[in-house]
Amino acid sequence: MVFFPLIFTAVSLKAGKGNITSTASGLFACKKISFPNPFYGGQQVKVFASVGHTVKSLTPRNGAAIWVEDVTANGFTVCVVEYAEGSNGTTEVNWMALQSTPSGSEMETTSLDAWTSGTTCKKIAFKQVSE
């Protein structure tokens, strides 16, 4: 009988939502988010964030850009700029942070050039899986 060692990595995942408020017209603001419990193990933490619109509105939503900075095992900073007059100074941010790549998925980063006045596209090729 042959025994094969079972090797796996448990996915460490945290998620939440919060509001970012700005006192300026429109919205540009950053907020420090702390994880309820820190990540352990020394692996890099990746954070994904999006702007949420759970409050119903009769008018169309404005476009927004969102990014994260200063990611550590204890938390991160999230920043939002919302165009035009914004959402009355407050924007909802949904986030998910993980420390290891879930089985069957890929996680990488890519960069685009600085903001331009035109459209910029970048092709991302995923690794091909053979059966």
Protein backbone atom coordinates (compact mmCIF):
# COMPACT_ATOMS: atom_id res chain seq x y z
CA MET A 1 0.00 0.00 0.00
CA VAL A 2 1.30 3.44 -0.94
CA PHE A 3 0.35 6.56 0.98
CA PHE A 4 0.42 9.99 -0.63
CA PRO A 5 0.69 13.01 1.61
CA LEU A 6 -2.32 15.30 1.43
CA ILE A 7 -1.15 18.85 0.90
CA PHE A 8 -3.59 21.73 0.80
CA THR A 9 -3.81 25.37 1.73
CA ALA A 10 -6.85 26.60 3.58
CA VAL A 11 -8.31 29.76 2.16
CA SER A 12 -8.23 32.56 4.69
CA LEU A 13 -11.00 34.98 3.72
CA LYS A 14 -12.46 38.11 5.28
CA ALA A 15 -15.15 40.38 3.82
CA GLY A 16 -17.10 43.44 4.80
CA LYS A 17 -18.56 46.77 3.79
CA GLY A 18 -18.20 50.31 4.97
CA ASN A 19 -19.01 53.89 4.10
CA ILE A 20 -16.52 56.50 2.99
CA THR A 21 -17.59 60.07 3.63
CA SER A 22 -16.18 63.26 2.14
CA THR A 23 -16.79 66.85 3.11
CA ALA A 24 -15.76 68.16 -0.32
CA SER A 25 -18.14 68.57 -3.24
CA GLY A 26 -18.28 65.38 -5.25
CA LEU A 27 -16.40 62.65 -3.50
CA PHE A 28 -12.73 61.95 -3.06
CA ALA A 29 -11.86 60.30 0.19
CA CYS A 30 -9.85 57.49 1.76
CA LYS A 31 -10.55 55.40 4.83
CA LYS A 32 -8.47 52.95 6.84
CA ILE A 33 -10.22 49.59 7.23
CA SER A 34 -9.04 47.23 9.99
CA PHE A 35 -9.75 43.50 9.77
CA PRO A 36 -11.72 42.16 12.77
CA ASN A 37 -8.91 39.61 13.20
CA PRO A 38 -5.49 39.82 11.53
CA PHE A 39 -4.26 37.36 8.92
CA TYR A 40 -1.50 34.98 10.04
CA GLY A 41 1.11 32.90 8.24
CA GLY A 42 3.17 35.55 6.50
CA GLN A 43 1.57 35.14 3.04
CA GLN A 44 0.67 38.24 1.05
CA VAL A 45 -2.85 39.57 1.62
CA LYS A 46 -4.86 40.60 -1.47
CA VAL A 47 -7.85 42.94 -1.20
CA PHE A 48 -10.61 43.39 -3.78
CA ALA A 49 -12.98 46.33 -3.42
CA SER A 50 -16.00 47.67 -5.29
CA VAL A 51 -18.44 50.55 -4.98
CA GLY A 52 -21.88 49.42 -3.86
CA HIS A 53 -25.25 51.02 -4.49
CA THR A 54 -27.74 49.45 -2.08
CA VAL A 55 -29.69 52.68 -1.54
CA LYS A 56 -32.33 53.06 -4.25
CA SER A 57 -32.10 56.18 -6.39
CA LEU A 58 -34.41 57.71 -8.99
CA THR A 59 -31.44 59.25 -10.81
CA PRO A 60 -28.63 57.36 -12.58
CA ARG A 61 -25.46 56.71 -10.62
CA ASN A 62 -22.22 58.52 -11.38
CA GLY A 63 -19.06 56.67 -12.36
CA ALA A 64 -16.45 56.02 -9.68
CA ALA A 65 -12.89 54.78 -9.36
CA ILE A 66 -11.83 52.76 -6.34
CA TRP A 67 -8.43 51.51 -5.24
CA VAL A 68 -6.69 50.04 -2.19
CA GLU A 69 -3.37 51.02 -0.64
CA ASP A 70 -1.14 49.98 2.25
CA VAL A 71 -2.41 46.39 2.52
CA THR A 72 -1.10 44.57 5.61
CA ALA A 73 -2.15 41.55 7.67
CA ASN A 74 -4.12 43.96 9.89
CA GLY A 75 -6.00 46.02 7.32
CA PHE A 76 -5.80 48.37 4.33
CA THR A 77 -6.70 51.84 3.09
CA VAL A 78 -9.47 52.19 0.50
CA CYS A 79 -9.92 55.32 -1.63
CA VAL A 80 -12.79 56.43 -3.86
CA VAL A 81 -13.28 59.23 -6.33
CA GLU A 82 -16.83 59.60 -7.60
CA TYR A 83 -17.52 61.87 -10.54
CA ALA A 84 -19.95 64.78 -10.71
CA GLU A 85 -21.69 65.43 -7.40
CA GLY A 86 -21.17 61.96 -6.00
CA SER A 87 -23.56 60.14 -3.71
CA ASN A 88 -24.23 63.09 -1.42
CA GLY A 89 -20.75 62.77 0.10
CA THR A 90 -20.99 59.10 1.13
CA THR A 91 -20.12 56.02 -0.90
CA GLU A 92 -20.61 52.39 0.13
CA VAL A 93 -17.55 50.17 -0.32
CA ASN A 94 -17.71 46.37 -0.40
CA TRP A 95 -14.45 44.49 0.13
CA MET A 96 -13.03 40.99 0.27
CA ALA A 97 -9.55 40.08 1.47
CA LEU A 98 -7.82 36.75 1.14
CA GLN A 99 -4.42 35.35 1.85
CA SER A 100 -4.23 32.30 -0.36
CA THR A 101 -5.56 31.54 -3.80
CA PRO A 102 -8.75 29.43 -3.75
CA SER A 103 -8.44 26.08 -5.53
CA GLY A 104 -9.16 26.36 -9.25
CA SER A 105 -8.58 30.11 -9.42
CA GLU A 106 -5.79 32.45 -10.43
CA MET A 107 -4.65 35.66 -8.78
CA GLU A 108 -2.15 37.97 -10.39
CA THR A 109 -1.68 41.70 -10.83
CA THR A 110 -1.22 43.89 -13.88
CA SER A 111 -0.59 47.58 -14.39
CA LEU A 112 -1.91 50.12 -16.84
CA ASP A 113 -0.14 53.32 -17.85
CA ALA A 114 -1.08 56.56 -16.11
CA TRP A 115 -4.56 58.00 -16.71
CA THR A 116 -5.04 59.17 -20.27
CA SER A 117 -7.71 61.03 -22.16
CA GLY A 118 -8.51 57.98 -24.27
CA THR A 119 -9.41 54.34 -23.80
CA THR A 120 -6.72 51.92 -22.72
CA CYS A 121 -7.16 48.16 -23.02
CA LYS A 122 -4.87 45.36 -21.94
CA LYS A 123 -5.29 41.70 -22.85
CA ILE A 124 -4.94 39.28 -19.95
CA ALA A 125 -4.22 35.68 -20.89
CA PHE A 126 -5.27 33.01 -18.41
CA LYS A 127 -3.31 29.80 -18.01
CA GLN A 128 -4.86 26.97 -19.98
CA VAL A 129 -6.00 23.97 -17.98
CA SER A 130 -5.58 20.56 -19.54
CA GLU A 131 -7.68 17.61 -18.43
